[in-house]
PDB file of N, CA and C in Angstrom:
ATOM      1  N   MET A   1       0.841  -1.184   0.000  1.00  0.00           N
ATOM      2  CA  MET A   1       0.000   0.000   0.000  1.00  0.00           C
ATOM      3  C   MET A   1       0.882   1.241   0.000  1.00  0.00           C
ATOM      4  N   ASP A   2       0.434   2.252  -0.699  1.00  0.00           N
ATOM      5  CA  ASP A   2       1.240   3.459  -0.672  1.00  0.00           C
ATOM      6  C   ASP A   2       0.824   4.328   0.509  1.00  0.00           C
ATOM      7  N   GLU A   3       1.683   5.229   0.880  1.00  0.00           N
ATOM      8  CA  GLU A   3       1.479   6.056   2.073  1.00  0.00           C
ATOM      9  C   GLU A   3       0.258   6.954   1.960  1.00  0.00           C
ATOM     10  N   GLY A   4      -0.052   7.429   0.785  1.00  0.00           N
ATOM     11  CA  GLY A   4      -1.213   8.291   0.583  1.00  0.00           C
ATOM     12  C   GLY A   4      -2.514   7.571   0.908  1.00  0.00           C
ATOM     13  N   ARG A   5      -2.586   6.334   0.476  1.00  0.00           N
ATOM     14  CA  ARG A   5      -3.801   5.545   0.740  1.00  0.00           C
ATOM     15  C   ARG A   5      -3.912   5.232   2.232  1.00  0.00           C
ATOM     16  N   ILE A   6      -2.804   4.900   2.853  1.00  0.00           N
ATOM     17  CA  ILE A   6      -2.802   4.620   4.296  1.00  0.00           C
ATOM     18  C   ILE A   6      -3.217   5.869   5.059  1.00  0.00           C
ATOM     19  N   SER A   7      -2.701   7.021   4.659  1.00  0.00           N
ATOM     20  CA  SER A   7      -3.063   8.292   5.298  1.00  0.00           C
ATOM     21  C   SER A   7      -4.551   8.553   5.186  1.00  0.00           C
ATOM     22  N   LYS A   8      -5.102   8.312   4.012  1.00  0.00           N
ATOM     23  CA  LYS A   8      -6.528   8.535   3.786  1.00  0.00           C
ATOM     24  C   LYS A   8      -7.368   7.623   4.673  1.00  0.00           C
ATOM     25  N   ILE A   9      -6.987   6.361   4.760  1.00  0.00           N
ATOM     26  CA  ILE A   9      -7.706   5.399   5.602  1.00  0.00           C
ATOM     27  C   ILE A   9      -7.636   5.826   7.068  1.00  0.00           C
ATOM     28  N   LEU A  10      -6.459   6.252   7.515  1.00  0.00           N
ATOM     29  CA  LEU A  10      -6.308   6.694   8.904  1.00  0.00           C
ATOM     30  C   LEU A  10      -7.148   7.936   9.193  1.00  0.00           C
ATOM     31  N   GLU A  11      -7.222   8.844   8.247  1.00  0.00           N
ATOM     32  CA  GLU A  11      -8.048  10.043   8.425  1.00  0.00           C
ATOM     33  C   GLU A  11      -9.527   9.678   8.535  1.00  0.00           C
ATOM     34  N   GLU A  12      -9.976   8.759   7.682  1.00  0.00           N
ATOM     35  CA  GLU A  12     -11.363   8.308   7.743  1.00  0.00           C
ATOM     36  C   GLU A  12     -11.660   7.643   9.089  1.00  0.00           C
ATOM     37  N   MET A  13     -10.744   6.812   9.542  1.00  0.00           N
ATOM     38  CA  MET A  13     -10.920   6.139  10.833  1.00  0.00           C
ATOM     39  C   MET A  13     -10.944   7.151  11.971  1.00  0.00           C
ATOM     40  N   ASP A  14     -10.131   8.187  11.857  1.00  0.00           N
ATOM     41  CA  ASP A  14     -10.088   9.241  12.876  1.00  0.00           C
ATOM     42  C   ASP A  14     -11.426   9.976  12.938  1.00  0.00           C
ATOM     43  N   LYS A  15     -12.020  10.259  11.784  1.00  0.00           N
ATOM     44  CA  LYS A  15     -13.328  10.912  11.746  1.00  0.00           C
ATOM     45  C   LYS A  15     -14.399  10.031  12.388  1.00  0.00           C
ATOM     46  N   LYS A  16     -14.351   8.741  12.071  1.00  0.00           N
ATOM     47  CA  LYS A  16     -15.320   7.810  12.653  1.00  0.00           C
ATOM     48  C   LYS A  16     -15.148   7.732  14.166  1.00  0.00           C
ATOM     49  N   LEU A  17     -13.908   7.715  14.617  1.00  0.00           N
ATOM     50  CA  LEU A  17     -13.630   7.670  16.044  1.00  0.00           C
ATOM     51  C   LEU A  17     -14.152   8.927  16.735  1.00  0.00           C
ATOM     52  N   ASP A  18     -13.998  10.079  16.088  1.00  0.00           N
ATOM     53  CA  ASP A  18     -14.532  11.329  16.647  1.00  0.00           C
ATOM     54  C   ASP A  18     -16.047  11.250  16.809  1.00  0.00           C
ATOM     55  N   ARG A  19     -16.736  10.685  15.813  1.00  0.00           N
ATOM     56  CA  ARG A  19     -18.198  10.551  15.913  1.00  0.00           C
ATOM     57  C   ARG A  19     -18.576   9.610  17.048  1.00  0.00           C
ATOM     58  N   VAL A  20     -17.832   8.528  17.203  1.00  0.00           N
ATOM     59  CA  VAL A  20     -18.113   7.581  18.284  1.00  0.00           C
ATOM     60  C   VAL A  20     -17.900   8.240  19.638  1.00  0.00           C
ATOM     61  N   ILE A  21     -16.810   8.963  19.781  1.00  0.00           N
ATOM     62  CA  ILE A  21     -16.517   9.647  21.047  1.00  0.00           C
ATOM     63  C   ILE A  21     -17.612  10.667  21.360  1.00  0.00           C
ATOM     64  N   THR A  22     -18.049  11.409  20.358  1.00  0.00           N
ATOM     65  CA  THR A  22     -19.125  12.389  20.553  1.00  0.00           C
ATOM     66  C   THR A  22     -20.406  11.692  21.017  1.00  0.00           C
ATOM     67  N   ALA A  23     -20.732  10.571  20.414  1.00  0.00           N
ATOM     68  CA  ALA A  23     -21.934   9.832  20.795  1.00  0.00           C
ATOM     69  C   ALA A  23     -21.822   9.312  22.223  1.00  0.00           C
ATOM     70  N   VAL A  24     -20.666   8.799  22.590  1.00  0.00           N
ATOM     71  CA  VAL A  24     -20.465   8.272  23.947  1.00  0.00           C
ATOM     72  C   VAL A  24     -20.589   9.393  24.975  1.00  0.00           C
ATOM     73  N   VAL A  25     -19.978  10.533  24.703  1.00  0.00           N
ATOM     74  CA  VAL A  25     -20.056  11.672  25.624  1.00  0.00           C
ATOM     75  C   VAL A  25     -21.507  12.123  25.760  1.00  0.00           C
ATOM     76  N   SER A  26     -22.223  12.176  24.663  1.00  0.00           N
ATOM     77  CA  SER A  26     -23.631  12.583  24.675  1.00  0.00           C
ATOM     78  C   SER A  26     -24.451  11.620  25.524  1.00  0.00           C
ATOM     79  N   ARG A  27     -24.212  10.342  25.367  1.00  0.00           N
ATOM     80  CA  ARG A  27     -24.930   9.337  26.173  1.00  0.00           C
ATOM     81  C   ARG A  27     -24.573   9.483  27.647  1.00  0.00           C
ATOM     82  N   GLY A  28     -23.305   9.736  27.919  1.00  0.00           N
ATOM     83  CA  GLY A  28     -22.864   9.911  29.305  1.00  0.00           C
ATOM     84  C   GLY A  28     -23.541  11.092  29.966  1.00  0.00           C
ATOM     85  N   GLU A  29     -23.719  12.173  29.212  1.00  0.00           N
ATOM     86  CA  GLU A  29     -24.397  13.344  29.759  1.00  0.00           C
ATOM     87  C   GLU A  29     -25.847  13.019  30.081  1.00  0.00           C
ATOM     88  N   LYS A  30     -26.481  12.229  29.241  1.00  0.00           N
ATOM     89  CA  LYS A  30     -27.864  11.837  29.492  1.00  0.00           C
ATOM     90  C   LYS A  30     -27.961  10.956  30.738  1.00  0.00           C
ATOM     91  N   LEU A  31     -26.962  10.135  30.963  1.00  0.00           N
ATOM     92  CA  LEU A  31     -26.971   9.254  32.133  1.00  0.00           C
ATOM     93  C   LEU A  31     -26.714  10.019  33.429  1.00  0.00           C
ATOM     94  N   ASP A  32     -26.063  11.161  33.317  1.00  0.00           N
ATOM     95  CA  ASP A  32     -25.762  11.948  34.508  1.00  0.00           C
ATOM     96  C   ASP A  32     -26.992  12.637  35.080  1.00  0.00           C
ATOM     97  N   THR A  33     -28.014  12.840  34.256  1.00  0.00           N
ATOM     98  CA  THR A  33     -29.214  13.519  34.746  1.00  0.00           C
ATOM     99  C   THR A  33     -30.198  12.475  35.259  1.00  0.00           C
ATOM    100  N   PRO A  34     -30.569  12.550  36.535  1.00  0.00           N
ATOM    101  CA  PRO A  34     -31.489  11.552  37.081  1.00  0.00           C
ATOM    102  C   PRO A  34     -32.898  11.735  36.509  1.00  0.00           C
ATOM    103  N   ALA A  35     -33.635  10.648  36.427  1.00  0.00           N
ATOM    104  CA  ALA A  35     -34.997  10.693  35.906  1.00  0.00           C
ATOM    105  C   ALA A  35     -35.936  11.218  36.984  1.00  0.00           C
ATOM    106  N   SER A  36     -36.885  12.016  36.574  1.00  0.00           N
ATOM    107  CA  SER A  36     -37.870  12.533  37.519  1.00  0.00           C
ATOM    108  C   SER A  36     -38.977  11.496  37.714  1.00  0.00           C
ATOM    109  N   ARG A  37     -39.817  11.732  38.684  1.00  0.00           N
ATOM    110  CA  ARG A  37     -40.942  10.814  38.916  1.00  0.00           C
ATOM    111  C   ARG A  37     -41.854  10.771  37.691  1.00  0.00           C
ATOM    112  N   ASP A  38     -42.051  11.914  37.055  1.00  0.00           N
ATOM    113  CA  ASP A  38     -42.886  11.955  35.857  1.00  0.00           C
ATOM    114  C   ASP A  38     -42.277  11.107  34.741  1.00  0.00           C
ATOM    115  N   ASP A  39     -40.953  11.221  34.576  1.00  0.00           N
ATOM    116  CA  ASP A  39     -40.270  10.424  33.553  1.00  0.00           C
ATOM    117  C   ASP A  39     -40.453   8.939  33.826  1.00  0.00           C
ATOM    118  N   LEU A  40     -40.271   8.565  35.084  1.00  0.00           N
ATOM    119  CA  LEU A  40     -40.414   7.153  35.447  1.00  0.00           C
ATOM    120  C   LEU A  40     -41.860   6.695  35.271  1.00  0.00           C
ATOM    121  N   GLY A  41     -42.798   7.566  35.615  1.00  0.00           N
ATOM    122  CA  GLY A  41     -44.208   7.228  35.441  1.00  0.00           C
ATOM    123  C   GLY A  41     -44.557   7.023  33.973  1.00  0.00           C
ATOM    124  N   GLN A  42     -44.043   7.897  33.113  1.00  0.00           N
ATOM    125  CA  GLN A  42     -44.291   7.755  31.680  1.00  0.00           C
ATOM    126  C   GLN A  42     -43.659   6.470  31.142  1.00  0.00           C
ATOM    127  N   PHE A  43     -42.445   6.196  31.603  1.00  0.00           N
ATOM    128  CA  PHE A  43     -41.761   4.974  31.168  1.00  0.00           C
ATOM    129  C   PHE A  43     -42.555   3.745  31.609  1.00  0.00           C
ATOM    130  N   ARG A  44     -43.009   3.768  32.852  1.00  0.00           N
ATOM    131  CA  ARG A  44     -43.791   2.645  33.383  1.00  0.00           C
ATOM    132  C   ARG A  44     -45.063   2.470  32.559  1.00  0.00           C
ATOM    133  N   GLY A  45     -45.718   3.575  32.220  1.00  0.00           N
ATOM    134  CA  GLY A  45     -46.928   3.510  31.410  1.00  0.00           C
ATOM    135  C   GLY A  45     -46.683   2.882  30.052  1.00  0.00           C
ATOM    136  N   LYS A  46     -45.572   3.276  29.422  1.00  0.00           N
ATOM    137  CA  LYS A  46     -45.232   2.717  28.110  1.00  0.00           C
ATOM    138  C   LYS A  46     -44.961   1.213  28.212  1.00  0.00           C
ATOM    139  N   VAL A  47     -44.247   0.827  29.254  1.00  0.00           N
ATOM    140  CA  VAL A  47     -43.935  -0.596  29.447  1.00  0.00           C
ATOM    141  C   VAL A  47     -45.220  -1.383  29.680  1.00  0.00           C
ATOM    142  N   MET A  48     -46.099  -0.851  30.523  1.00  0.00           N
ATOM    143  CA  MET A  48     -47.351  -1.545  30.817  1.00  0.00           C
ATOM    144  C   MET A  48     -48.225  -1.650  29.565  1.00  0.00           C
ATOM    145  N   ASP A  49     -48.274  -0.602  28.748  1.00  0.00           N
ATOM    146  CA  ASP A  49     -49.038  -0.655  27.498  1.00  0.00           C
ATOM    147  C   ASP A  49     -48.501  -1.747  26.579  1.00  0.00           C
ATOM    148  N   ALA A  50     -47.180  -1.808  26.464  1.00  0.00           N
ATOM    149  CA  ALA A  50     -46.566  -2.825  25.609  1.00  0.00           C
ATOM    150  C   ALA A  50     -46.870  -4.228  26.132  1.00  0.00           C
ATOM    151  N   LEU A  51     -46.786  -4.397  27.448  1.00  0.00           N
ATOM    152  CA  LEU A  51     -47.084  -5.712  28.028  1.00  0.00           C
ATOM    153  C   LEU A  51     -48.552  -6.078  27.846  1.00  0.00           C
ATOM    154  N   ASP A  52     -49.440  -5.103  27.995  1.00  0.00           N
ATOM    155  CA  ASP A  52     -50.866  -5.356  27.787  1.00  0.00           C
ATOM    156  C   ASP A  52     -51.145  -5.814  26.361  1.00  0.00           C
ATOM    157  N   LYS A  53     -50.509  -5.167  25.401  1.00  0.00           N
ATOM    158  CA  LYS A  53     -50.699  -5.552  23.999  1.00  0.00           C
ATOM    159  C   LYS A  53     -50.222  -6.984  23.758  1.00  0.00           C
ATOM    160  N   ARG A  54     -49.095  -7.328  24.349  1.00  0.00           N
ATOM    161  CA  ARG A  54     -48.571  -8.687  24.177  1.00  0.00           C
ATOM    162  C   ARG A  54     -49.491  -9.709  24.852  1.00  0.00           C
ATOM    163  N   MET A  55     -50.069  -9.319  25.982  1.00  0.00           N
ATOM    164  CA  MET A  55     -50.963 -10.220  26.696  1.00  0.00           C
ATOM    165  C   MET A  55     -52.219 -10.492  25.864  1.00  0.00           C
ATOM    166  N   VAL A  56     -52.726  -9.468  25.192  1.00  0.00           N
ATOM    167  CA  VAL A  56     -53.899  -9.652  24.329  1.00  0.00           C
ATOM    168  C   VAL A  56     -53.567 -10.638  23.208  1.00  0.00           C
ATOM    169  N   VAL A  57     -52.397 -10.486  22.621  1.00  0.00           N
ATOM    170  CA  VAL A  57     -51.982 -11.397  21.549  1.00  0.00           C
ATOM    171  C   VAL A  57     -51.888 -12.826  22.088  1.00  0.00           C
ATOM    172  N   LEU A  58     -51.305 -12.988  23.261  1.00  0.00           N
ATOM    173  CA  LEU A  58     -51.174 -14.329  23.848  1.00  0.00           C
ATOM    174  C   LEU A  58     -52.543 -14.932  24.161  1.00  0.00           C
ATOM    175  N   GLN A  59     -53.469 -14.122  24.656  1.00  0.00           N
ATOM    176  CA  GLN A  59     -54.808 -14.633  24.941  1.00  0.00           C
ATOM    177  C   GLN A  59     -55.497 -15.085  23.661  1.00  0.00           C
ATOM    178  N   ARG A  60     -55.362 -14.305  22.599  1.00  0.00           N
ATOM    179  CA  ARG A  60     -55.955 -14.696  21.316  1.00  0.00           C
ATOM    180  C   ARG A  60     -55.352 -15.995  20.803  1.00  0.00           C
ATOM    181  N   LEU A  61     -54.035 -16.116  20.909  1.00  0.00           N
ATOM    182  CA  LEU A  61     -53.383 -17.346  20.454  1.00  0.00           C
ATOM    183  C   LEU A  61     -53.842 -18.544  21.275  1.00  0.00           C
ATOM    184  N   ASP A  62     -54.011 -18.350  22.567  1.00  0.00           N
ATOM    185  CA  ASP A  62     -54.470 -19.442  23.429  1.00  0.00           C
ATOM    186  C   ASP A  62     -55.886 -19.857  23.052  1.00  0.00           C
ATOM    187  N   GLN A  63     -56.766 -18.884  22.812  1.00  0.00           N
ATOM    188  CA  GLN A  63     -58.128 -19.203  22.394  1.00  0.00           C
ATOM    189  C   GLN A  63     -58.132 -19.919  21.047  1.00  0.00           C
ATOM    190  N   GLU A  64     -57.307 -19.450  20.142  1.00  0.00           N
ATOM    191  CA  GLU A  64     -57.225 -20.086  18.833  1.00  0.00           C
ATOM    192  C   GLU A  64     -56.742 -21.526  18.963  1.00  0.00           C
ATOM    193  N   ARG A  65     -55.797 -21.752  19.851  1.00  0.00           N
ATOM    194  CA  ARG A  65     -55.286 -23.110  20.077  1.00  0.00           C
ATOM    195  C   ARG A  65     -56.397 -24.019  20.581  1.00  0.00           C
ATOM    196  N   VAL A  66     -57.195 -23.531  21.531  1.00  0.00           N
ATOM    197  CA  VAL A  66     -58.286 -24.337  22.089  1.00  0.00           C
ATOM    198  C   VAL A  66     -59.293 -24.681  20.992  1.00  0.00           C
ATOM    199  N   PHE A  67     -59.689 -23.707  20.193  1.00  0.00           N
ATOM    200  CA  PHE A  67     -60.654 -23.954  19.127  1.00  0.00           C
ATOM    201  C   PHE A  67     -60.086 -24.891  18.065  1.00  0.00           C
ATOM    202  N   THR A  68     -58.801 -24.762  17.765  1.00  0.00           N
ATOM    203  CA  THR A  68     -58.169 -25.619  16.763  1.00  0.00           C
ATOM    204  C   THR A  68     -58.143 -27.069  17.234  1.00  0.00           C
ATOM    205  N   VAL A  69     -57.827 -27.284  18.493  1.00  0.00           N
ATOM    206  CA  VAL A  69     -57.798 -28.650  19.044  1.00  0.00           C
ATOM    207  C   VAL A  69     -59.187 -29.270  18.951  1.00  0.00           C
ATOM    208  N   GLU A  70     -60.203 -28.513  19.309  1.00  0.00           N
ATOM    209  CA  GLU A  70     -61.574 -29.031  19.240  1.00  0.00           C
ATOM    210  C   GLU A  70     -61.977 -29.323  17.792  1.00  0.00           C
ATOM    211  N   TRP A  71     -61.585 -28.449  16.882  1.00  0.00           N
ATOM    212  CA  TRP A  71     -61.891 -28.651  15.471  1.00  0.00           C
ATOM    213  C   TRP A  71     -61.228 -29.931  14.954  1.00  0.00           C
ATOM    214  N   ILE A  72     -60.001 -30.163  15.366  1.00  0.00           N
ATOM    215  CA  ILE A  72     -59.287 -31.386  14.947  1.00  0.00           C
ATOM    216  C   ILE A  72     -59.991 -32.618  15.495  1.00  0.00           C
ATOM    217  N   ARG A  73     -60.489 -32.562  16.723  1.00  0.00           N
ATOM    218  CA  ARG A  73     -61.227 -33.707  17.297  1.00  0.00           C
ATOM    219  C   ARG A  73     -62.479 -34.001  16.461  1.00  0.00           C
ATOM    220  N   ARG A  74     -63.217 -32.943  16.108  1.00  0.00           N
ATOM    221  CA  ARG A  74     -64.433 -33.136  15.307  1.00  0.00           C
ATOM    222  C   ARG A  74     -64.096 -33.725  13.945  1.00  0.00           C
ATOM    223  N   ILE A  75     -63.051 -33.214  13.317  1.00  0.00           N
ATOM    224  CA  ILE A  75     -62.636 -33.739  12.007  1.00  0.00           C
ATOM    225  C   ILE A  75     -62.241 -35.214  12.143  1.00  0.00           C
ATOM    226  N   GLY A  76     -61.531 -35.538  13.227  1.00  0.00           N
ATOM    227  CA  GLY A  76     -61.127 -36.926  13.462  1.00  0.00           C
ATOM    228  C   GLY A  76     -62.326 -37.843  13.588  1.00  0.00           C
ATOM    229  N   LYS A  77     -63.362 -37.401  14.293  1.00  0.00           N
ATOM    230  CA  LYS A  77     -64.588 -38.207  14.432  1.00  0.00           C
ATOM    231  C   LYS A  77     -65.258 -38.384  13.079  1.00  0.00           C
ATOM    232  N   ASP A  78     -65.293 -37.282  12.286  1.00  0.00           N
ATOM    233  CA  ASP A  78     -65.887 -37.369  10.952  1.00  0.00           C
ATOM    234  C   ASP A  78     -65.122 -38.356  10.086  1.00  0.00           C
ATOM    235  N   VAL A  79     -63.815 -38.340  10.165  1.00  0.00           N
ATOM    236  CA  VAL A  79     -62.979 -39.260   9.380  1.00  0.00           C
ATOM    237  C   VAL A  79     -63.274 -40.692   9.789  1.00  0.00           C
ATOM    238  N   GLU A  80     -63.411 -40.943  11.092  1.00  0.00           N
ATOM    239  CA  GLU A  80     -63.700 -42.309  11.555  1.00  0.00           C
ATOM    240  C   GLU A  80     -65.056 -42.783  11.031  1.00  0.00           C
ATOM    241  N   ARG A  81     -66.064 -41.896  11.057  1.00  0.00           N
ATOM    242  CA  ARG A  81     -67.396 -42.271  10.545  1.00  0.00           C
ATOM    243  C   ARG A  81     -67.335 -42.561   9.047  1.00  0.00           C
ATOM    244  N   ILE A  82     -66.569 -41.744   8.324  1.00  0.00           N
ATOM    245  CA  ILE A  82     -66.449 -41.956   6.874  1.00  0.00           C
ATOM    246  C   ILE A  82     -65.741 -43.276   6.597  1.00  0.00           C
ATOM    247  N   LYS A  83     -64.716 -43.609   7.386  1.00  0.00           N
ATOM    248  CA  LYS A  83     -64.000 -44.883   7.201  1.00  0.00           C
ATOM    249  C   LYS A  83     -64.953 -46.060   7.419  1.00  0.00           C
ATOM    250  N   VAL A  84     -65.778 -45.955   8.470  1.00  0.00           N
ATOM    251  CA  VAL A  84     -66.727 -47.038   8.741  1.00  0.00           C
ATOM    252  C   VAL A  84     -67.723 -47.149   7.596  1.00  0.00           C
ATOM    253  N   HIS A  85     -68.230 -46.025   7.121  1.00  0.00           N
ATOM    254  CA  HIS A  85     -69.188 -46.011   6.028  1.00  0.00           C
ATOM    255  C   HIS A  85     -68.582 -46.608   4.743  1.00  0.00           C
ATOM    256  N   LEU A  86     -67.313 -46.315   4.507  1.00  0.00           N
ATOM    257  CA  LEU A  86     -66.632 -46.833   3.311  1.00  0.00           C
ATOM    258  C   LEU A  86     -66.033 -48.220   3.546  1.00  0.00           C
ATOM    259  N   LYS A  87     -66.209 -48.740   4.770  1.00  0.00           N
ATOM    260  CA  LYS A  87     -65.680 -50.050   5.168  1.00  0.00           C
ATOM    261  C   LYS A  87     -64.167 -50.109   5.033  1.00  0.00           C
ATOM    262  N   LEU A  88     -63.491 -49.008   5.447  1.00  0.00           N
ATOM    263  CA  LEU A  88     -62.025 -48.961   5.443  1.00  0.00           C
ATOM    264  C   LEU A  88     -61.471 -49.249   6.822  1.00  0.00           C
ATOM    265  N   ALA A  89     -62.332 -49.240   7.823  1.00  0.00           N
ATOM    266  CA  ALA A  89     -61.833 -49.463   9.192  1.00  0.00           C
ATOM    267  C   ALA A  89     -62.559 -50.619   9.814  1.00  0.00           C
TER     268      ALA A  89
END
């Protein structure tokens, strides 16, 4: 590799490192400020809303599972009756 290309790569890496350092410092400043009760309350509300939505999905899936199992039982009984009628069983 020639020195010019190496220099260019190092400069690009230096710029990227500067952006990373800026982001880390910015995050650190955010961590230094404690959350207020309102902030925590809003966060708790968002978490509870998300959990409620997931719970609704789980309840629907559970109901669907119950109905599917019952449907399979009915189909199985129908298949057995058809086998007897066709003298396959």
